[in-house]
mmCIF file of all heavy atoms, coordinates in Angstrom:
data_MODEL
# 
_entry.id   MODEL 
# 
loop_
_atom_site.group_PDB 
_atom_site.id 
_atom_site.type_symbol 
_atom_site.label_atom_id 
_atom_site.label_alt_id 
_atom_site.label_comp_id 
_atom_site.label_asym_id 
_atom_site.label_entity_id 
_atom_site.label_seq_id 
_atom_site.pdbx_PDB_ins_code 
_atom_site.Cartn_x 
_atom_site.Cartn_y 
_atom_site.Cartn_z 
_atom_site.occupancy 
_atom_site.B_iso_or_equiv 
_atom_site.pdbx_formal_charge 
_atom_site.auth_seq_id 
_atom_site.auth_comp_id 
_atom_site.auth_asym_id 
_atom_site.auth_atom_id 
_atom_site.pdbx_PDB_model_num 
ATOM 1   N N   . ALA A 1 1  ? 0.838  -1.205  -0.002 1.00 0.00 ? 1  ALA A N   1 
ATOM 2   C CA  . ALA A 1 1  ? -0.003 0.000   0.001  1.00 0.00 ? 1  ALA A CA  1 
ATOM 3   C C   . ALA A 1 1  ? 0.873  1.253   0.013  1.00 0.00 ? 1  ALA A C   1 
ATOM 4   O O   . ALA A 1 1  ? 0.529  2.260   0.613  1.00 0.00 ? 1  ALA A O   1 
ATOM 5   C CB  . ALA A 1 1  ? -0.929 -0.009  1.209  1.00 0.00 ? 1  ALA A CB  1 
ATOM 6   N N   . ALA A 1 2  ? 2.002  1.177   -0.700 1.00 0.00 ? 2  ALA A N   1 
ATOM 7   C CA  . ALA A 1 2  ? 2.941  2.299   -0.678 1.00 0.00 ? 2  ALA A CA  1 
ATOM 8   C C   . ALA A 1 2  ? 2.336  3.580   -1.241 1.00 0.00 ? 2  ALA A C   1 
ATOM 9   O O   . ALA A 1 2  ? 2.704  4.676   -0.811 1.00 0.00 ? 2  ALA A O   1 
ATOM 10  C CB  . ALA A 1 2  ? 4.199  1.933   -1.488 1.00 0.00 ? 2  ALA A CB  1 
ATOM 11  N N   . ASP A 1 3  ? 1.404  3.466   -2.178 1.00 0.00 ? 3  ASP A N   1 
ATOM 12  C CA  . ASP A 1 3  ? 0.811  4.670   -2.773 1.00 0.00 ? 3  ASP A CA  1 
ATOM 13  C C   . ASP A 1 3  ? -0.226 5.320   -1.862 1.00 0.00 ? 3  ASP A C   1 
ATOM 14  O O   . ASP A 1 3  ? -0.784 6.353   -2.184 1.00 0.00 ? 3  ASP A O   1 
ATOM 15  C CB  . ASP A 1 3  ? 0.178  4.354   -4.120 1.00 0.00 ? 3  ASP A CB  1 
ATOM 16  C CG  . ASP A 1 3  ? -0.932 3.326   -4.037 1.00 0.00 ? 3  ASP A CG  1 
ATOM 17  O OD1 . ASP A 1 3  ? -1.094 2.706   -2.953 1.00 0.00 ? 3  ASP A OD1 1 
ATOM 18  O OD2 . ASP A 1 3  ? -1.648 3.128   -5.043 1.00 0.00 ? 3  ASP A OD2 1 
ATOM 19  N N   . ALA A 1 4  ? -0.470 4.710   -0.702 1.00 0.00 ? 4  ALA A N   1 
ATOM 20  C CA  . ALA A 1 4  ? -1.471 5.256   0.235  1.00 0.00 ? 4  ALA A CA  1 
ATOM 21  C C   . ALA A 1 4  ? -0.782 6.071   1.347  1.00 0.00 ? 4  ALA A C   1 
ATOM 22  O O   . ALA A 1 4  ? -1.377 6.306   2.394  1.00 0.00 ? 4  ALA A O   1 
ATOM 23  C CB  . ALA A 1 4  ? -2.259 4.102   0.862  1.00 0.00 ? 4  ALA A CB  1 
ATOM 24  N N   . LEU A 1 5  ? 0.432  6.524   1.091  1.00 0.00 ? 5  LEU A N   1 
ATOM 25  C CA  . LEU A 1 5  ? 1.164  7.334   2.073  1.00 0.00 ? 5  LEU A CA  1 
ATOM 26  C C   . LEU A 1 5  ? 1.875  8.479   1.371  1.00 0.00 ? 5  LEU A C   1 
ATOM 27  O O   . LEU A 1 5  ? 2.535  8.244   0.342  1.00 0.00 ? 5  LEU A O   1 
ATOM 28  C CB  . LEU A 1 5  ? 2.196  6.452   2.800  1.00 0.00 ? 5  LEU A CB  1 
ATOM 29  C CG  . LEU A 1 5  ? 3.044  7.167   3.876  1.00 0.00 ? 5  LEU A CG  1 
ATOM 30  C CD1 . LEU A 1 5  ? 2.184  7.375   5.143  1.00 0.00 ? 5  LEU A CD1 1 
ATOM 31  C CD2 . LEU A 1 5  ? 4.272  6.344   4.224  1.00 0.00 ? 5  LEU A CD2 1 
ATOM 32  N N   . PRO A 1 6  ? 1.766  9.705   1.869  1.00 0.00 ? 6  PRO A N   1 
ATOM 33  C CA  . PRO A 1 6  ? 2.462  10.835  1.260  1.00 0.00 ? 6  PRO A CA  1 
ATOM 34  C C   . PRO A 1 6  ? 3.943  10.819  1.693  1.00 0.00 ? 6  PRO A C   1 
ATOM 35  O O   . PRO A 1 6  ? 4.441  11.711  2.387  1.00 0.00 ? 6  PRO A O   1 
ATOM 36  C CB  . PRO A 1 6  ? 1.726  12.062  1.823  1.00 0.00 ? 6  PRO A CB  1 
ATOM 37  C CG  . PRO A 1 6  ? 1.234  11.617  3.163  1.00 0.00 ? 6  PRO A CG  1 
ATOM 38  C CD  . PRO A 1 6  ? 0.884  10.135  2.986  1.00 0.00 ? 6  PRO A CD  1 
ATOM 39  N N   . ASP A 1 7  ? 4.662  9.813   1.245  1.00 0.00 ? 7  ASP A N   1 
ATOM 40  C CA  . ASP A 1 7  ? 6.006  9.545   1.743  1.00 0.00 ? 7  ASP A CA  1 
ATOM 41  C C   . ASP A 1 7  ? 6.984  10.666  1.437  1.00 0.00 ? 7  ASP A C   1 
ATOM 42  O O   . ASP A 1 7  ? 7.903  10.932  2.206  1.00 0.00 ? 7  ASP A O   1 
ATOM 43  C CB  . ASP A 1 7  ? 6.520  8.222   1.163  1.00 0.00 ? 7  ASP A CB  1 
ATOM 44  C CG  . ASP A 1 7  ? 7.870  7.847   1.729  1.00 0.00 ? 7  ASP A CG  1 
ATOM 45  O OD1 . ASP A 1 7  ? 7.980  7.689   2.950  1.00 0.00 ? 7  ASP A OD1 1 
ATOM 46  O OD2 . ASP A 1 7  ? 8.817  7.685   0.952  1.00 0.00 ? 7  ASP A OD2 1 
ATOM 47  N N   . ALA A 1 8  ? 6.817  11.337  0.314  1.00 0.00 ? 8  ALA A N   1 
ATOM 48  C CA  . ALA A 1 8  ? 7.753  12.404  -0.068 1.00 0.00 ? 8  ALA A CA  1 
ATOM 49  C C   . ALA A 1 8  ? 7.813  13.505  0.975  1.00 0.00 ? 8  ALA A C   1 
ATOM 50  O O   . ALA A 1 8  ? 8.840  14.162  1.156  1.00 0.00 ? 8  ALA A O   1 
ATOM 51  C CB  . ALA A 1 8  ? 7.379  12.966  -1.428 1.00 0.00 ? 8  ALA A CB  1 
ATOM 52  N N   . ASP A 1 9  ? 6.699  13.729  1.679  1.00 0.00 ? 9  ASP A N   1 
ATOM 53  C CA  . ASP A 1 9  ? 6.628  14.782  2.694  1.00 0.00 ? 9  ASP A CA  1 
ATOM 54  C C   . ASP A 1 9  ? 7.039  14.292  4.083  1.00 0.00 ? 9  ASP A C   1 
ATOM 55  O O   . ASP A 1 9  ? 7.097  15.084  5.012  1.00 0.00 ? 9  ASP A O   1 
ATOM 56  C CB  . ASP A 1 9  ? 5.216  15.360  2.754  1.00 0.00 ? 9  ASP A CB  1 
ATOM 57  C CG  . ASP A 1 9  ? 4.810  16.043  1.465  1.00 0.00 ? 9  ASP A CG  1 
ATOM 58  O OD1 . ASP A 1 9  ? 5.488  17.031  1.113  1.00 0.00 ? 9  ASP A OD1 1 
ATOM 59  O OD2 . ASP A 1 9  ? 3.863  15.584  0.816  1.00 0.00 ? 9  ASP A OD2 1 
ATOM 60  N N   . LEU A 1 10 ? 7.279  13.009  4.230  1.00 0.00 ? 10 LEU A N   1 
ATOM 61  C CA  . LEU A 1 10 ? 7.564  12.443  5.550  1.00 0.00 ? 10 LEU A CA  1 
ATOM 62  C C   . LEU A 1 10 ? 8.966  11.851  5.638  1.00 0.00 ? 10 LEU A C   1 
ATOM 63  O O   . LEU A 1 10 ? 9.573  11.841  6.714  1.00 0.00 ? 10 LEU A O   1 
ATOM 64  C CB  . LEU A 1 10 ? 6.534  11.354  5.892  1.00 0.00 ? 10 LEU A CB  1 
ATOM 65  C CG  . LEU A 1 10 ? 5.084  11.805  5.988  1.00 0.00 ? 10 LEU A CG  1 
ATOM 66  C CD1 . LEU A 1 10 ? 4.152  10.601  6.158  1.00 0.00 ? 10 LEU A CD1 1 
ATOM 67  C CD2 . LEU A 1 10 ? 4.896  12.761  7.176  1.00 0.00 ? 10 LEU A CD2 1 
ATOM 68  N N   . ALA A 1 11 ? 9.483  11.319  4.530  1.00 0.00 ? 11 ALA A N   1 
ATOM 69  C CA  . ALA A 1 11 ? 10.726 10.593  4.553  1.00 0.00 ? 11 ALA A CA  1 
ATOM 70  C C   . ALA A 1 11 ? 11.907 11.452  5.036  1.00 0.00 ? 11 ALA A C   1 
ATOM 71  O O   . ALA A 1 11 ? 12.851 10.919  5.634  1.00 0.00 ? 11 ALA A O   1 
ATOM 72  C CB  . ALA A 1 11 ? 11.028 9.983   3.181  1.00 0.00 ? 11 ALA A CB  1 
ATOM 73  N N   . ALA A 1 12 ? 11.858 12.751  4.775  1.00 0.00 ? 12 ALA A N   1 
ATOM 74  C CA  . ALA A 1 12 ? 12.948 13.605  5.194  1.00 0.00 ? 12 ALA A CA  1 
ATOM 75  C C   . ALA A 1 12 ? 12.928 13.863  6.702  1.00 0.00 ? 12 ALA A C   1 
ATOM 76  O O   . ALA A 1 12 ? 13.931 14.348  7.268  1.00 0.00 ? 12 ALA A O   1 
ATOM 77  C CB  . ALA A 1 12 ? 12.891 14.939  4.456  1.00 0.00 ? 12 ALA A CB  1 
ATOM 78  N N   . VAL A 1 13 ? 11.816 13.557  7.341  1.00 0.00 ? 13 VAL A N   1 
ATOM 79  C CA  . VAL A 1 13 ? 11.660 13.813  8.776  1.00 0.00 ? 13 VAL A CA  1 
ATOM 80  C C   . VAL A 1 13 ? 11.765 12.532  9.608  1.00 0.00 ? 13 VAL A C   1 
ATOM 81  O O   . VAL A 1 13 ? 12.324 12.528  10.693 1.00 0.00 ? 13 VAL A O   1 
ATOM 82  C CB  . VAL A 1 13 ? 10.309 14.517  9.050  1.00 0.00 ? 13 VAL A CB  1 
ATOM 83  C CG1 . VAL A 1 13 ? 10.174 14.855  10.538 1.00 0.00 ? 13 VAL A CG1 1 
ATOM 84  C CG2 . VAL A 1 13 ? 10.157 15.748  8.192  1.00 0.00 ? 13 VAL A CG2 1 
ATOM 85  N N   . PHE A 1 14 ? 11.221 11.446  9.058  1.00 0.00 ? 14 PHE A N   1 
ATOM 86  C CA  . PHE A 1 14 ? 11.091 10.207  9.836  1.00 0.00 ? 14 PHE A CA  1 
ATOM 87  C C   . PHE A 1 14 ? 12.034 9.120   9.357  1.00 0.00 ? 14 PHE A C   1 
ATOM 88  O O   . PHE A 1 14 ? 12.318 8.985   8.164  1.00 0.00 ? 14 PHE A O   1 
ATOM 89  C CB  . PHE A 1 14 ? 9.647  9.682   9.748  1.00 0.00 ? 14 PHE A CB  1 
ATOM 90  C CG  . PHE A 1 14 ? 8.619  10.604  10.340 1.00 0.00 ? 14 PHE A CG  1 
ATOM 91  C CD1 . PHE A 1 14 ? 7.334  10.647  9.819  1.00 0.00 ? 14 PHE A CD1 1 
ATOM 92  C CD2 . PHE A 1 14 ? 8.914  11.444  11.407 1.00 0.00 ? 14 PHE A CD2 1 
ATOM 93  C CE1 . PHE A 1 14 ? 6.355  11.486  10.359 1.00 0.00 ? 14 PHE A CE1 1 
ATOM 94  C CE2 . PHE A 1 14 ? 7.970  12.288  11.952 1.00 0.00 ? 14 PHE A CE2 1 
ATOM 95  C CZ  . PHE A 1 14 ? 6.678  12.300  11.426 1.00 0.00 ? 14 PHE A CZ  1 
ATOM 96  N N   . ASP A 1 15 ? 12.470 8.310   10.302 1.00 0.00 ? 15 ASP A N   1 
ATOM 97  C CA  . ASP A 1 15 ? 13.198 7.078   10.036 1.00 0.00 ? 15 ASP A CA  1 
ATOM 98  C C   . ASP A 1 15 ? 12.261 5.941   10.384 1.00 0.00 ? 15 ASP A C   1 
ATOM 99  O O   . ASP A 1 15 ? 11.946 5.719   11.538 1.00 0.00 ? 15 ASP A O   1 
ATOM 100 C CB  . ASP A 1 15 ? 14.468 7.036   10.889 1.00 0.00 ? 15 ASP A CB  1 
ATOM 101 C CG  . ASP A 1 15 ? 15.312 5.800   10.621 1.00 0.00 ? 15 ASP A CG  1 
ATOM 102 O OD1 . ASP A 1 15 ? 15.101 5.160   9.583  1.00 0.00 ? 15 ASP A OD1 1 
ATOM 103 O OD2 . ASP A 1 15 ? 16.169 5.480   11.473 1.00 0.00 ? 15 ASP A OD2 1 
ATOM 104 N N   . TYR A 1 16 ? 11.763 5.213   9.364  1.00 0.00 ? 16 TYR A N   1 
ATOM 105 C CA  . TYR A 1 16 ? 10.691 4.235   9.552  1.00 0.00 ? 16 TYR A CA  1 
ATOM 106 C C   . TYR A 1 16 ? 11.196 2.912   10.165 1.00 0.00 ? 16 TYR A C   1 
ATOM 107 O O   . TYR A 1 16 ? 12.263 2.412   9.825  1.00 0.00 ? 16 TYR A O   1 
ATOM 108 C CB  . TYR A 1 16 ? 10.042 3.898   8.227  1.00 0.00 ? 16 TYR A CB  1 
ATOM 109 C CG  . TYR A 1 16 ? 9.307  5.049   7.575  1.00 0.00 ? 16 TYR A CG  1 
ATOM 110 C CD1 . TYR A 1 16 ? 9.411  5.264   6.200  1.00 0.00 ? 16 TYR A CD1 1 
ATOM 111 C CD2 . TYR A 1 16 ? 8.508  5.921   8.308  1.00 0.00 ? 16 TYR A CD2 1 
ATOM 112 C CE1 . TYR A 1 16 ? 8.746  6.319   5.578  1.00 0.00 ? 16 TYR A CE1 1 
ATOM 113 C CE2 . TYR A 1 16 ? 7.840  6.954   7.703  1.00 0.00 ? 16 TYR A CE2 1 
ATOM 114 C CZ  . TYR A 1 16 ? 7.960  7.165   6.338  1.00 0.00 ? 16 TYR A CZ  1 
ATOM 115 O OH  . TYR A 1 16 ? 7.303  8.197   5.736  1.00 0.00 ? 16 TYR A OH  1 
ATOM 116 N N   . GLU A 1 17 ? 10.366 2.364   11.035 1.00 0.00 ? 17 GLU A N   1 
ATOM 117 C CA  . GLU A 1 17 ? 10.524 1.002   11.565 1.00 0.00 ? 17 GLU A CA  1 
ATOM 118 C C   . GLU A 1 17 ? 9.284  0.216   11.131 1.00 0.00 ? 17 GLU A C   1 
ATOM 119 O O   . GLU A 1 17 ? 8.227  0.290   11.739 1.00 0.00 ? 17 GLU A O   1 
ATOM 120 C CB  . GLU A 1 17 ? 10.617 1.047   13.088 1.00 0.00 ? 17 GLU A CB  1 
ATOM 121 C CG  . GLU A 1 17 ? 10.607 -0.323  13.768 1.00 0.00 ? 17 GLU A CG  1 
ATOM 122 C CD  . GLU A 1 17 ? 11.905 -1.080  13.604 1.00 0.00 ? 17 GLU A CD  1 
ATOM 123 O OE1 . GLU A 1 17 ? 12.958 -0.431  13.447 1.00 0.00 ? 17 GLU A OE1 1 
ATOM 124 O OE2 . GLU A 1 17 ? 11.881 -2.316  13.616 1.00 0.00 ? 17 GLU A OE2 1 
ATOM 125 N N   . PRO A 1 18 ? 9.350  -0.509  10.010 1.00 0.00 ? 18 PRO A N   1 
ATOM 126 C CA  . PRO A 1 18 ? 8.166  -1.198  9.461  1.00 0.00 ? 18 PRO A CA  1 
ATOM 127 C C   . PRO A 1 18 ? 7.757  -2.398  10.320 1.00 0.00 ? 18 PRO A C   1 
ATOM 128 O O   . PRO A 1 18 ? 8.600  -3.207  10.706 1.00 0.00 ? 18 PRO A O   1 
ATOM 129 C CB  . PRO A 1 18 ? 8.605  -1.647  8.066  1.00 0.00 ? 18 PRO A CB  1 
ATOM 130 C CG  . PRO A 1 18 ? 9.893  -0.930  7.790  1.00 0.00 ? 18 PRO A CG  1 
ATOM 131 C CD  . PRO A 1 18 ? 10.524 -0.683  9.132  1.00 0.00 ? 18 PRO A CD  1 
ATOM 132 N N   . ILE A 1 19 ? 6.453  -2.502  10.568 1.00 0.00 ? 19 ILE A N   1 
ATOM 133 C CA  . ILE A 1 19 ? 5.909  -3.617  11.350 1.00 0.00 ? 19 ILE A CA  1 
ATOM 134 C C   . ILE A 1 19 ? 4.633  -4.102  10.673 1.00 0.00 ? 19 ILE A C   1 
ATOM 135 O O   . ILE A 1 19 ? 3.776  -3.303  10.314 1.00 0.00 ? 19 ILE A O   1 
ATOM 136 C CB  . ILE A 1 19 ? 5.521  -3.177  12.790 1.00 0.00 ? 19 ILE A CB  1 
ATOM 137 C CG1 . ILE A 1 19 ? 6.725  -2.513  13.506 1.00 0.00 ? 19 ILE A CG1 1 
ATOM 138 C CG2 . ILE A 1 19 ? 4.987  -4.352  13.575 1.00 0.00 ? 19 ILE A CG2 1 
ATOM 139 C CD1 . ILE A 1 19 ? 7.836  -3.466  13.844 1.00 0.00 ? 19 ILE A CD1 1 
ATOM 140 N N   . CYS A 1 20 ? 4.524  -5.402  10.486 1.00 0.00 ? 20 CYS A N   1 
ATOM 141 C CA  . CYS A 1 20 ? 3.249  -5.996  10.044 1.00 0.00 ? 20 CYS A CA  1 
ATOM 142 C C   . CYS A 1 20 ? 2.822  -6.981  11.127 1.00 0.00 ? 20 CYS A C   1 
ATOM 143 O O   . CYS A 1 20 ? 3.433  -8.043  11.304 1.00 0.00 ? 20 CYS A O   1 
ATOM 144 C CB  . CYS A 1 20 ? 3.406  -6.751  8.721  1.00 0.00 ? 20 CYS A CB  1 
ATOM 145 S SG  . CYS A 1 20 ? 1.896  -7.607  8.221  1.00 0.00 ? 20 CYS A SG  1 
ATOM 146 N N   . PRO A 1 21 ? 1.778  -6.655  11.894 1.00 0.00 ? 21 PRO A N   1 
ATOM 147 C CA  . PRO A 1 21 ? 1.366  -7.550  12.977 1.00 0.00 ? 21 PRO A CA  1 
ATOM 148 C C   . PRO A 1 21 ? 0.929  -8.920  12.513 1.00 0.00 ? 21 PRO A C   1 
ATOM 149 O O   . PRO A 1 21 ? 1.164  -9.927  13.195 1.00 0.00 ? 21 PRO A O   1 
ATOM 150 C CB  . PRO A 1 21 ? 0.256  -6.774  13.687 1.00 0.00 ? 21 PRO A CB  1 
ATOM 151 C CG  . PRO A 1 21 ? -0.209 -5.745  12.697 1.00 0.00 ? 21 PRO A CG  1 
ATOM 152 C CD  . PRO A 1 21 ? 0.982  -5.432  11.870 1.00 0.00 ? 21 PRO A CD  1 
ATOM 153 N N   . GLU A 1 22 ? 0.258  -8.993  11.353 1.00 0.00 ? 22 GLU A N   1 
ATOM 154 C CA  . GLU A 1 22 ? -0.178 -10.311 10.855 1.00 0.00 ? 22 GLU A CA  1 
ATOM 155 C C   . GLU A 1 22 ? 1.025  -11.201 10.559 1.00 0.00 ? 22 GLU A C   1 
ATOM 156 O O   . GLU A 1 22 ? 1.045  -12.387 10.931 1.00 0.00 ? 22 GLU A O   1 
ATOM 157 C CB  . GLU A 1 22 ? -1.024 -10.161 9.582  1.00 0.00 ? 22 GLU A CB  1 
ATOM 158 C CG  . GLU A 1 22 ? -2.421 -9.567  9.843  1.00 0.00 ? 22 GLU A CG  1 
ATOM 159 C CD  . GLU A 1 22 ? -2.430 -8.037  9.814  1.00 0.00 ? 22 GLU A CD  1 
ATOM 160 O OE1 . GLU A 1 22 ? -1.343 -7.413  9.819  1.00 0.00 ? 22 GLU A OE1 1 
ATOM 161 O OE2 . GLU A 1 22 ? -3.533 -7.474  9.772  1.00 0.00 ? 22 GLU A OE2 1 
ATOM 162 N N   . MET A 1 23 ? 2.051  -10.631 9.938  1.00 0.00 ? 23 MET A N   1 
ATOM 163 C CA  . MET A 1 23 ? 3.273  -11.399 9.703  1.00 0.00 ? 23 MET A CA  1 
ATOM 164 C C   . MET A 1 23 ? 3.938  -11.711 11.030 1.00 0.00 ? 23 MET A C   1 
ATOM 165 O O   . MET A 1 23 ? 4.530  -12.791 11.229 1.00 0.00 ? 23 MET A O   1 
ATOM 166 C CB  . MET A 1 23 ? 4.218  -10.619 8.793  1.00 0.00 ? 23 MET A CB  1 
ATOM 167 C CG  . MET A 1 23 ? 3.695  -10.392 7.392  1.00 0.00 ? 23 MET A CG  1 
ATOM 168 S SD  . MET A 1 23 ? 3.696  -11.934 6.428  1.00 0.00 ? 23 MET A SD  1 
ATOM 169 C CE  . MET A 1 23 ? 5.441  -12.087 6.092  1.00 0.00 ? 23 MET A CE  1 
ATOM 170 N N   . GLY A 1 24 ? 3.868  -10.748 11.939 1.00 0.00 ? 24 GLY A N   1 
ATOM 171 C CA  . GLY A 1 24 ? 4.517  -10.934 13.241 1.00 0.00 ? 24 GLY A CA  1 
ATOM 172 C C   . GLY A 1 24 ? 3.959  -12.075 14.069 1.00 0.00 ? 24 GLY A C   1 
ATOM 173 O O   . GLY A 1 24 ? 4.675  -12.674 14.879 1.00 0.00 ? 24 GLY A O   1 
ATOM 174 N N   . ILE A 1 25 ? 2.685  -12.400 13.861 1.00 0.00 ? 25 ILE A N   1 
ATOM 175 C CA  . ILE A 1 25 ? 2.092  -13.528 14.600 1.00 0.00 ? 25 ILE A CA  1 
ATOM 176 C C   . ILE A 1 25 ? 2.062  -14.800 13.757 1.00 0.00 ? 25 ILE A C   1 
ATOM 177 O O   . ILE A 1 25 ? 1.437  -15.781 14.107 1.00 0.00 ? 25 ILE A O   1 
ATOM 178 C CB  . ILE A 1 25 ? 0.676  -13.204 15.098 1.00 0.00 ? 25 ILE A CB  1 
ATOM 179 C CG1 . ILE A 1 25 ? -0.285 -12.944 13.948 1.00 0.00 ? 25 ILE A CG1 1 
ATOM 180 C CG2 . ILE A 1 25 ? 0.702  -12.012 16.057 1.00 0.00 ? 25 ILE A CG2 1 
ATOM 181 C CD1 . ILE A 1 25 ? -1.735 -12.767 14.357 1.00 0.00 ? 25 ILE A CD1 1 
ATOM 182 N N   . GLY A 1 26 ? 2.795  -14.762 12.627 1.00 0.00 ? 26 GLY A N   1 
ATOM 183 C CA  . GLY A 1 26 ? 2.993  -15.962 11.839 1.00 0.00 ? 26 GLY A CA  1 
ATOM 184 C C   . GLY A 1 26 ? 1.913  -16.324 10.847 1.00 0.00 ? 26 GLY A C   1 
ATOM 185 O O   . GLY A 1 26 ? 1.821  -17.470 10.409 1.00 0.00 ? 26 GLY A O   1 
# 
């Protein structure tokens, strides 16, 4: 869902830690 985030306006400010809870619980 990368196109569902205004990343160009955020990437210069934030360092992302990606988490997927569904994957996290196997």
